[in-house]
Amino acid sequence: MQRRTFVKKASLGSLAMSTLPALSLANDPEYSILELMGKADIELFGKGINLRKDAHDAFVDMKKAAYTAGFDIKIVSSYRDFYRQQAIWERKYIKYTEVDGMEPIPAMEKIIEYSTIPGTSRHHWGTDIDIIDGYPKVDGDVLVPEKFGEGGPFEGLKKWLDENSESFGFHLVYTDSYFRRGFKYEPWHYSYAPTSIPMLAQFRKKNIFRLIKEEEFEGVSHFTTNFLKKYIHDNILDINPDLL
């Protein structure tokens, strides 16, 4: 078990499975806004796993099953706090605006093809993972959709996940559905539904628009009402419907 503490400024955002108990929102724990935004002190379990206890245990079971089937599931990213997400955002924003000469809004539109606005990442919750197969030798960036497709090094794992991940509670978040908007297809990003569903339900009841506007990081002053409303609708909420 690992415990991480982050002390920084505070800010004022039905699943039924045969192998998992039905969820009751009335019995779900309450999550603070700091917890939902990746600013809280939470317990993370497993060396190199770093998930909440229930998500950790389900992942270990899935990893064992995949290993038996000939795949070595490796986590590329799991829990990510607000400040780590802020660093990712600001690095990209500075590159696009100062190095590439892009205007703020086009730069931020490019960032949110794959990266979230700090405070809104599902990786803040300790329920989501980016995973690959550790067996194939792969050059360059491993989180590329083509590497999970036909002929790619992770094609086998992706097919196995398509058939088995949901039985362990893990659902693909950003699918390749033609009608889905927001973040581009991420065949590596899975979420532990029994915990992430109630967390999203509570997060969406918050004033996410105001929460983002009150933060202080590169680009905030350029956020427009239309940009943020579209981001909340498309990027936060237009996901795999199994996770809503």
C-alpha atoms as a PDB file:
ATOM      1  CA  MET A   1       0.000   0.000   0.000  1.00  0.00           C
ATOM      2  CA  GLN A   2       1.143   3.502  -0.767  1.00  0.00           C
ATOM      3  CA  ARG A   3      -0.178   6.698   0.721  1.00  0.00           C
ATOM      4  CA  ARG A   4       0.371  10.024  -0.975  1.00  0.00           C
ATOM      5  CA  THR A   5      -0.334  13.383   0.538  1.00  0.00           C
ATOM      6  CA  PHE A   6      -0.793  16.526  -1.498  1.00  0.00           C
ATOM      7  CA  VAL A   7      -0.994  19.797   0.393  1.00  0.00           C
ATOM      8  CA  LYS A   8      -1.824  22.626  -1.984  1.00  0.00           C
ATOM      9  CA  LYS A   9      -4.497  25.277  -2.342  1.00  0.00           C
ATOM     10  CA  ALA A  10      -8.092  24.074  -2.238  1.00  0.00           C
ATOM     11  CA  SER A  11     -10.708  24.898  -4.901  1.00  0.00           C
ATOM     12  CA  LEU A  12     -14.489  25.512  -4.625  1.00  0.00           C
ATOM     13  CA  GLY A  13     -17.706  19.555 -10.380  1.00  0.00           C
ATOM     14  CA  SER A  14     -26.752   1.564 -12.520  1.00  0.00           C
ATOM     15  CA  LEU A  15     -24.387  -0.864 -13.344  1.00  0.00           C
ATOM     16  CA  ALA A  16     -25.502  -4.506 -13.334  1.00  0.00           C
ATOM     17  CA  MET A  17     -22.929  -7.199 -14.004  1.00  0.00           C
ATOM     18  CA  SER A  18     -23.199 -10.911 -13.579  1.00  0.00           C
ATOM     19  CA  THR A  19     -19.954 -11.142 -11.649  1.00  0.00           C
ATOM     20  CA  LEU A  20     -20.345  -7.948  -9.618  1.00  0.00           C
ATOM     21  CA  PRO A  21     -22.921  -6.778  -7.081  1.00  0.00           C
ATOM     22  CA  ALA A  22     -25.471  -4.254  -8.275  1.00  0.00           C
ATOM     23  CA  LEU A  23     -24.627  -0.680  -7.383  1.00  0.00           C
ATOM     24  CA  SER A  24     -26.852   1.464  -5.219  1.00  0.00           C
ATOM     25  CA  LEU A  25     -26.139   5.164  -5.319  1.00  0.00           C
ATOM     26  CA  ALA A  26     -27.794   5.527  -1.930  1.00  0.00           C
ATOM     27  CA  ASN A  27     -25.047   3.388  -0.407  1.00  0.00           C
ATOM     28  CA  ASP A  28     -22.120   4.969  -2.233  1.00  0.00           C
ATOM     29  CA  PRO A  29     -19.595   6.913  -0.153  1.00  0.00           C
ATOM     30  CA  GLU A  30     -19.450  10.659  -0.490  1.00  0.00           C
ATOM     31  CA  TYR A  31     -16.403  12.000  -2.329  1.00  0.00           C
ATOM     32  CA  SER A  32     -15.130  15.481  -1.542  1.00  0.00           C
ATOM     33  CA  ILE A  33     -14.522  17.938  -4.347  1.00  0.00           C
ATOM     34  CA  LEU A  34     -10.798  17.864  -3.533  1.00  0.00           C
ATOM     35  CA  GLU A  35     -10.870  14.089  -3.937  1.00  0.00           C
ATOM     36  CA  LEU A  36     -12.709  14.311  -7.252  1.00  0.00           C
ATOM     37  CA  MET A  37     -10.218  16.912  -8.518  1.00  0.00           C
ATOM     38  CA  GLY A  38      -7.104  14.981  -7.524  1.00  0.00           C
ATOM     39  CA  LYS A  39      -6.115  17.224  -4.625  1.00  0.00           C
ATOM     40  CA  ALA A  40      -6.961  14.977  -1.690  1.00  0.00           C
ATOM     41  CA  ASP A  41      -5.018  12.539   0.448  1.00  0.00           C
ATOM     42  CA  ILE A  42      -6.122   9.047  -0.667  1.00  0.00           C
ATOM     43  CA  GLU A  43      -4.805   5.535  -0.182  1.00  0.00           C
ATOM     44  CA  LEU A  44      -3.314   3.878  -3.240  1.00  0.00           C
ATOM     45  CA  PHE A  45      -2.616   0.172  -3.339  1.00  0.00           C
ATOM     46  CA  GLY A  46      -0.081  -1.956  -5.168  1.00  0.00           C
ATOM     47  CA  LYS A  47       3.471  -1.191  -6.223  1.00  0.00           C
ATOM     48  CA  GLY A  48       3.300   0.107  -9.764  1.00  0.00           C
ATOM     49  CA  ILE A  49      -0.517  -0.142  -9.678  1.00  0.00           C
ATOM     50  CA  ASN A  50      -1.591   2.812  -7.492  1.00  0.00           C
ATOM     51  CA  LEU A  51      -5.356   2.340  -7.445  1.00  0.00           C
ATOM     52  CA  ARG A  52      -8.080   2.388  -4.828  1.00  0.00           C
ATOM     53  CA  LYS A  53      -8.404  -0.915  -2.977  1.00  0.00           C
ATOM     54  CA  ASP A  54     -11.394  -2.309  -4.889  1.00  0.00           C
ATOM     55  CA  ALA A  55      -9.989  -1.280  -8.276  1.00  0.00           C
ATOM     56  CA  HIS A  56      -6.582  -2.658  -7.306  1.00  0.00           C
ATOM     57  CA  ASP A  57      -7.988  -6.055  -6.318  1.00  0.00           C
ATOM     58  CA  ALA A  58     -10.044  -6.318  -9.511  1.00  0.00           C
ATOM     59  CA  PHE A  59      -7.017  -5.352 -11.614  1.00  0.00           C
ATOM     60  CA  VAL A  60      -4.856  -8.019  -9.961  1.00  0.00           C
ATOM     61  CA  ASP A  61      -7.505 -10.633 -10.762  1.00  0.00           C
ATOM     62  CA  MET A  62      -7.691  -9.437 -14.378  1.00  0.00           C
ATOM     63  CA  LYS A  63      -3.908  -9.419 -14.706  1.00  0.00           C
ATOM     64  CA  LYS A  64      -3.724 -13.022 -13.473  1.00  0.00           C
ATOM     65  CA  ALA A  65      -6.384 -14.136 -15.947  1.00  0.00           C
ATOM     66  CA  ALA A  66      -4.629 -12.335 -18.804  1.00  0.00           C
ATOM     67  CA  TYR A  67      -1.317 -13.920 -17.844  1.00  0.00           C
ATOM     68  CA  THR A  68      -2.901 -17.354 -18.091  1.00  0.00           C
ATOM     69  CA  ALA A  69      -4.110 -16.399 -21.575  1.00  0.00           C
ATOM     70  CA  GLY A  70      -0.600 -15.347 -22.618  1.00  0.00           C
ATOM     71  CA  PHE A  71      -0.606 -11.595 -21.975  1.00  0.00           C
ATOM     72  CA  ASP A  72       1.358  -9.504 -19.488  1.00  0.00           C
ATOM     73  CA  ILE A  73      -0.777  -6.480 -18.621  1.00  0.00           C
ATOM     74  CA  LYS A  74       1.427  -3.515 -17.740  1.00  0.00           C
ATOM     75  CA  ILE A  75       0.124  -0.229 -16.360  1.00  0.00           C
ATOM     76  CA  VAL A  76       1.485   2.808 -18.179  1.00  0.00           C
ATOM     77  CA  SER A  77      -0.529   5.263 -16.063  1.00  0.00           C
ATOM     78  CA  SER A  78      -3.031   4.972 -13.222  1.00  0.00           C
ATOM     79  CA  TYR A  79      -3.567   7.536 -10.440  1.00  0.00           C
ATOM     80  CA  ARG A  80      -2.501  11.013 -11.460  1.00  0.00           C
ATOM     81  CA  ASP A  81      -2.917  13.961  -9.093  1.00  0.00           C
ATOM     82  CA  PHE A  82      -4.043  17.469 -10.070  1.00  0.00           C
ATOM     83  CA  TYR A  83      -0.525  18.877 -10.093  1.00  0.00           C
ATOM     84  CA  ARG A  84       0.835  16.183 -12.387  1.00  0.00           C
ATOM     85  CA  GLN A  85      -2.039  16.877 -14.788  1.00  0.00           C
ATOM     86  CA  GLN A  86      -1.328  20.592 -14.528  1.00  0.00           C
ATOM     87  CA  ALA A  87       2.300  19.980 -15.534  1.00  0.00           C
ATOM     88  CA  ILE A  88       1.184  17.959 -18.577  1.00  0.00           C
ATOM     89  CA  TRP A  89      -1.307  20.651 -19.588  1.00  0.00           C
ATOM     90  CA  GLU A  90       1.120  23.542 -19.173  1.00  0.00           C
ATOM     91  CA  ARG A  91       3.934  21.785 -21.041  1.00  0.00           C
ATOM     92  CA  LYS A  92       1.670  21.277 -24.040  1.00  0.00           C
ATOM     93  CA  TYR A  93       0.096  24.738 -23.819  1.00  0.00           C
ATOM     94  CA  ILE A  94       3.475  26.481 -23.766  1.00  0.00           C
ATOM     95  CA  LYS A  95       4.771  24.386 -26.665  1.00  0.00           C
ATOM     96  CA  TYR A  96       1.735  25.039 -28.842  1.00  0.00           C
ATOM     97  CA  THR A  97       1.443  28.754 -28.087  1.00  0.00           C
ATOM     98  CA  GLU A  98       5.054  29.875 -27.639  1.00  0.00           C
ATOM     99  CA  VAL A  99       6.963  27.417 -29.811  1.00  0.00           C
ATOM    100  CA  ASP A 100       4.413  26.603 -32.501  1.00  0.00           C
ATOM    101  CA  GLY A 101       2.783  30.036 -32.457  1.00  0.00           C
ATOM    102  CA  MET A 102      -0.803  28.838 -32.069  1.00  0.00           C
ATOM    103  CA  GLU A 103      -3.555  31.043 -30.652  1.00  0.00           C
ATOM    104  CA  PRO A 104      -4.804  30.012 -27.175  1.00  0.00           C
ATOM    105  CA  ILE A 105      -8.150  28.428 -28.133  1.00  0.00           C
ATOM    106  CA  PRO A 106      -6.790  26.360 -31.071  1.00  0.00           C
ATOM    107  CA  ALA A 107      -3.894  25.300 -28.813  1.00  0.00           C
ATOM    108  CA  MET A 108      -6.281  24.143 -26.091  1.00  0.00           C
ATOM    109  CA  GLU A 109      -8.490  22.370 -28.625  1.00  0.00           C
ATOM    110  CA  LYS A 110      -5.420  20.421 -29.726  1.00  0.00           C
ATOM    111  CA  ILE A 111      -4.493  19.590 -26.119  1.00  0.00           C
ATOM    112  CA  ILE A 112      -7.920  18.145 -25.357  1.00  0.00           C
ATOM    113  CA  GLU A 113      -7.700  15.662 -28.186  1.00  0.00           C
ATOM    114  CA  TYR A 114      -6.001  13.395 -25.640  1.00  0.00           C
ATOM    115  CA  SER A 115      -5.247  15.385 -22.455  1.00  0.00           C
ATOM    116  CA  THR A 116      -7.679  16.698 -19.850  1.00  0.00           C
ATOM    117  CA  ILE A 117      -7.981  20.073 -18.191  1.00  0.00           C
ATOM    118  CA  PRO A 118      -6.412  19.784 -14.707  1.00  0.00           C
ATOM    119  CA  GLY A 119      -9.020  18.867 -12.123  1.00  0.00           C
ATOM    120  CA  THR A 120     -11.219  16.983 -14.594  1.00  0.00           C
ATOM    121  CA  SER A 121      -9.142  13.878 -15.307  1.00  0.00           C
ATOM    122  CA  ARG A 122     -10.603  10.454 -14.529  1.00  0.00           C
ATOM    123  CA  HIS A 123      -7.077   9.497 -13.510  1.00  0.00           C
ATOM    124  CA  HIS A 124      -7.588  11.715 -10.435  1.00  0.00           C
ATOM    125  CA  TRP A 125      -9.957   9.101  -8.996  1.00  0.00           C
ATOM    126  CA  GLY A 126      -7.728   6.056  -8.580  1.00  0.00           C
ATOM    127  CA  THR A 127     -10.081   4.002 -10.760  1.00  0.00           C
ATOM    128  CA  ASP A 128      -8.660   4.376 -14.267  1.00  0.00           C
ATOM    129  CA  ILE A 129      -5.701   2.761 -15.997  1.00  0.00           C
ATOM    130  CA  ASP A 130      -3.772   3.014 -19.257  1.00  0.00           C
ATOM    131  CA  ILE A 131      -2.494  -0.473 -20.084  1.00  0.00           C
ATOM    132  CA  ILE A 132      -0.426  -2.371 -22.658  1.00  0.00           C
ATOM    133  CA  ASP A 133       0.930  -5.882 -23.169  1.00  0.00           C
ATOM    134  CA  GLY A 134       4.399  -6.077 -21.657  1.00  0.00           C
ATOM    135  CA  TYR A 135       5.575  -8.963 -23.840  1.00  0.00           C
ATOM    136  CA  PRO A 136       5.984  -7.440 -27.343  1.00  0.00           C
ATOM    137  CA  LYS A 137       9.018  -5.283 -28.074  1.00  0.00           C
ATOM    138  CA  VAL A 138       7.725  -1.868 -29.077  1.00  0.00           C
ATOM    139  CA  ASP A 139       9.551   1.217 -30.334  1.00  0.00           C
ATOM    140  CA  GLY A 140       8.363   4.760 -29.712  1.00  0.00           C
ATOM    141  CA  ASP A 141       5.148   5.830 -28.027  1.00  0.00           C
ATOM    142  CA  VAL A 142       3.177   2.805 -26.851  1.00  0.00           C
ATOM    143  CA  LEU A 143      -0.133   4.651 -26.453  1.00  0.00           C
ATOM    144  CA  VAL A 144      -1.001   4.860 -30.122  1.00  0.00           C
ATOM    145  CA  PRO A 145      -4.353   3.479 -31.379  1.00  0.00           C
ATOM    146  CA  GLU A 146      -2.752   1.682 -34.325  1.00  0.00           C
ATOM    147  CA  LYS A 147      -0.662  -0.455 -31.977  1.00  0.00           C
ATOM    148  CA  PHE A 148      -3.859  -1.943 -30.558  1.00  0.00           C
ATOM    149  CA  GLY A 149      -5.390  -2.578 -33.971  1.00  0.00           C
ATOM    150  CA  GLU A 150      -4.974  -5.268 -36.608  1.00  0.00           C
ATOM    151  CA  GLY A 151      -1.322  -6.200 -36.986  1.00  0.00           C
ATOM    152  CA  GLY A 152      -0.262  -4.080 -34.013  1.00  0.00           C
ATOM    153  CA  PRO A 153       1.812  -5.420 -31.110  1.00  0.00           C
ATOM    154  CA  PHE A 154      -1.109  -5.131 -28.692  1.00  0.00           C
ATOM    155  CA  GLU A 155      -3.785  -6.539 -31.005  1.00  0.00           C
ATOM    156  CA  GLY A 156      -4.015  -9.797 -29.047  1.00  0.00           C
ATOM    157  CA  LEU A 157      -4.399  -8.098 -25.676  1.00  0.00           C
ATOM    158  CA  LYS A 158      -7.059  -5.751 -27.040  1.00  0.00           C
ATOM    159  CA  LYS A 159      -9.107  -8.681 -28.325  1.00  0.00           C
ATOM    160  CA  TRP A 160      -8.763 -10.425 -24.966  1.00  0.00           C
ATOM    161  CA  LEU A 161      -9.852  -7.265 -23.142  1.00  0.00           C
ATOM    162  CA  ASP A 162     -12.844  -6.870 -25.462  1.00  0.00           C
ATOM    163  CA  GLU A 163     -13.998 -10.317 -24.388  1.00  0.00           C
ATOM    164  CA  ASN A 164     -13.017 -10.308 -20.727  1.00  0.00           C
ATOM    165  CA  SER A 165     -12.350  -6.903 -19.120  1.00  0.00           C
ATOM    166  CA  GLU A 166     -15.964  -6.149 -18.224  1.00  0.00           C
ATOM    167  CA  SER A 167     -16.261  -9.351 -16.213  1.00  0.00           C
ATOM    168  CA  PHE A 168     -13.650  -7.805 -13.892  1.00  0.00           C
ATOM    169  CA  GLY A 169     -15.445  -4.443 -13.811  1.00  0.00           C
ATOM    170  CA  PHE A 170     -13.169  -2.618 -16.262  1.00  0.00           C
ATOM    171  CA  HIS A 171     -14.761  -0.790 -19.191  1.00  0.00           C
ATOM    172  CA  LEU A 172     -13.159   1.062 -22.088  1.00  0.00           C
ATOM    173  CA  VAL A 173     -13.772   4.785 -21.550  1.00  0.00           C
ATOM    174  CA  TYR A 174     -13.164   6.495 -24.892  1.00  0.00           C
ATOM    175  CA  THR A 175     -14.520   4.111 -27.495  1.00  0.00           C
ATOM    176  CA  ASP A 176     -14.240   4.236 -31.275  1.00  0.00           C
ATOM    177  CA  SER A 177     -17.971   4.856 -31.672  1.00  0.00           C
ATOM    178  CA  TYR A 178     -18.622   6.997 -34.760  1.00  0.00           C
ATOM    179  CA  PHE A 179     -21.073   9.179 -32.840  1.00  0.00           C
ATOM    180  CA  ARG A 180     -18.878   9.835 -29.786  1.00  0.00           C
ATOM    181  CA  ARG A 181     -17.284  13.268 -29.477  1.00  0.00           C
ATOM    182  CA  GLY A 182     -14.620  14.637 -27.156  1.00  0.00           C
ATOM    183  CA  PHE A 183     -11.366  12.783 -26.559  1.00  0.00           C
ATOM    184  CA  LYS A 184     -10.106  10.651 -29.402  1.00  0.00           C
ATOM    185  CA  TYR A 185     -10.258   6.862 -29.301  1.00  0.00           C
ATOM    186  CA  GLU A 186      -8.078   5.431 -26.517  1.00  0.00           C
ATOM    187  CA  PRO A 187      -7.976   1.615 -26.729  1.00  0.00           C
ATOM    188  CA  TRP A 188      -5.662   1.548 -23.703  1.00  0.00           C
ATOM    189  CA  HIS A 189      -7.839   3.461 -21.186  1.00  0.00           C
ATOM    190  CA  TYR A 190     -10.058   1.381 -18.879  1.00  0.00           C
ATOM    191  CA  SER A 191     -12.100   2.385 -15.851  1.00  0.00           C
ATOM    192  CA  TYR A 192     -13.236   0.330 -12.854  1.00  0.00           C
ATOM    193  CA  ALA A 193     -16.971   0.946 -13.202  1.00  0.00           C
ATOM    194  CA  PRO A 194     -18.255   0.023  -9.707  1.00  0.00           C
ATOM    195  CA  THR A 195     -16.315   2.967  -8.254  1.00  0.00           C
ATOM    196  CA  SER A 196     -15.949   5.398 -11.150  1.00  0.00           C
ATOM    197  CA  ILE A 197     -19.678   5.482 -11.950  1.00  0.00           C
ATOM    198  CA  PRO A 198     -20.687   6.961  -8.573  1.00  0.00           C
ATOM    199  CA  MET A 199     -17.665   9.263  -8.628  1.00  0.00           C
ATOM    200  CA  LEU A 200     -18.689  10.692 -11.990  1.00  0.00           C
ATOM    201  CA  ALA A 201     -22.299  10.986 -10.812  1.00  0.00           C
ATOM    202  CA  GLN A 202     -21.159  13.109  -7.878  1.00  0.00           C
ATOM    203  CA  PHE A 203     -18.679  15.120  -9.949  1.00  0.00           C
ATOM    204  CA  ARG A 204     -21.249  16.083 -12.573  1.00  0.00           C
ATOM    205  CA  LYS A 205     -23.501  17.519  -9.834  1.00  0.00           C
ATOM    206  CA  LYS A 206     -20.796  20.071  -9.010  1.00  0.00           C
ATOM    207  CA  ASN A 207     -20.391  23.384 -10.782  1.00  0.00           C
ATOM    208  CA  ILE A 208     -17.559  22.109 -12.976  1.00  0.00           C
ATOM    209  CA  PHE A 209     -17.559  25.283 -15.064  1.00  0.00           C
ATOM    210  CA  ARG A 210     -16.870  27.462 -12.012  1.00  0.00           C
ATOM    211  CA  LEU A 211     -14.348  25.020 -10.554  1.00  0.00           C
ATOM    212  CA  ILE A 212     -12.223  25.185 -13.706  1.00  0.00           C
ATOM    213  CA  LYS A 213     -12.459  28.972 -13.998  1.00  0.00           C
ATOM    214  CA  GLU A 214     -11.229  29.416 -10.416  1.00  0.00           C
ATOM    215  CA  GLU A 215      -7.990  27.517 -11.037  1.00  0.00           C
ATOM    216  CA  GLU A 216      -4.661  29.161 -11.843  1.00  0.00           C
ATOM    217  CA  PHE A 217      -2.662  27.533 -14.626  1.00  0.00           C
ATOM    218  CA  GLU A 218      -1.540  28.399 -18.142  1.00  0.00           C
ATOM    219  CA  GLY A 219      -4.457  29.164 -20.433  1.00  0.00           C
ATOM    220  CA  VAL A 220      -7.213  29.615 -17.835  1.00  0.00           C
ATOM    221  CA  SER A 221      -7.667  33.293 -18.654  1.00  0.00           C
ATOM    222  CA  HIS A 222      -8.449  32.341 -22.255  1.00  0.00           C
ATOM    223  CA  PHE A 223     -11.231  29.871 -21.464  1.00  0.00           C
ATOM    224  CA  THR A 224     -14.483  30.994 -23.025  1.00  0.00           C
ATOM    225  CA  THR A 225     -17.963  29.955 -21.929  1.00  0.00           C
ATOM    226  CA  ASN A 226     -18.536  28.057 -25.182  1.00  0.00           C
ATOM    227  CA  PHE A 227     -15.190  26.253 -24.945  1.00  0.00           C
ATOM    228  CA  LEU A 228     -15.825  25.039 -21.379  1.00  0.00           C
ATOM    229  CA  LYS A 229     -19.445  24.079 -21.957  1.00  0.00           C
ATOM    230  CA  LYS A 230     -18.463  22.036 -24.994  1.00  0.00           C
ATOM    231  CA  TYR A 231     -15.569  20.446 -23.079  1.00  0.00           C
ATOM    232  CA  ILE A 232     -17.834  19.383 -20.211  1.00  0.00           C
ATOM    233  CA  HIS A 233     -20.489  18.002 -22.569  1.00  0.00           C
ATOM    234  CA  ASP A 234     -18.163  16.262 -25.031  1.00  0.00           C
ATOM    235  CA  ASN A 235     -15.024  15.355 -23.108  1.00  0.00           C
ATOM    236  CA  ILE A 236     -16.304  14.617 -19.621  1.00  0.00           C
ATOM    237  CA  LEU A 237     -19.746  13.198 -20.384  1.00  0.00           C
ATOM    238  CA  ASP A 238     -19.622  11.783 -23.923  1.00  0.00           C
ATOM    239  CA  ILE A 239     -17.974   8.506 -22.945  1.00  0.00           C
ATOM    240  CA  ASN A 240     -18.819   4.821 -23.038  1.00  0.00           C
ATOM    241  CA  PRO A 241     -22.493   4.823 -21.892  1.00  0.00           C
ATOM    242  CA  ASP A 242     -21.749   1.854 -19.634  1.00  0.00           C
ATOM    243  CA  LEU A 243     -19.829   4.276 -17.424  1.00  0.00           C
ATOM    244  CA  LEU A 244     -22.621   6.824 -17.003  1.00  0.00           C
END
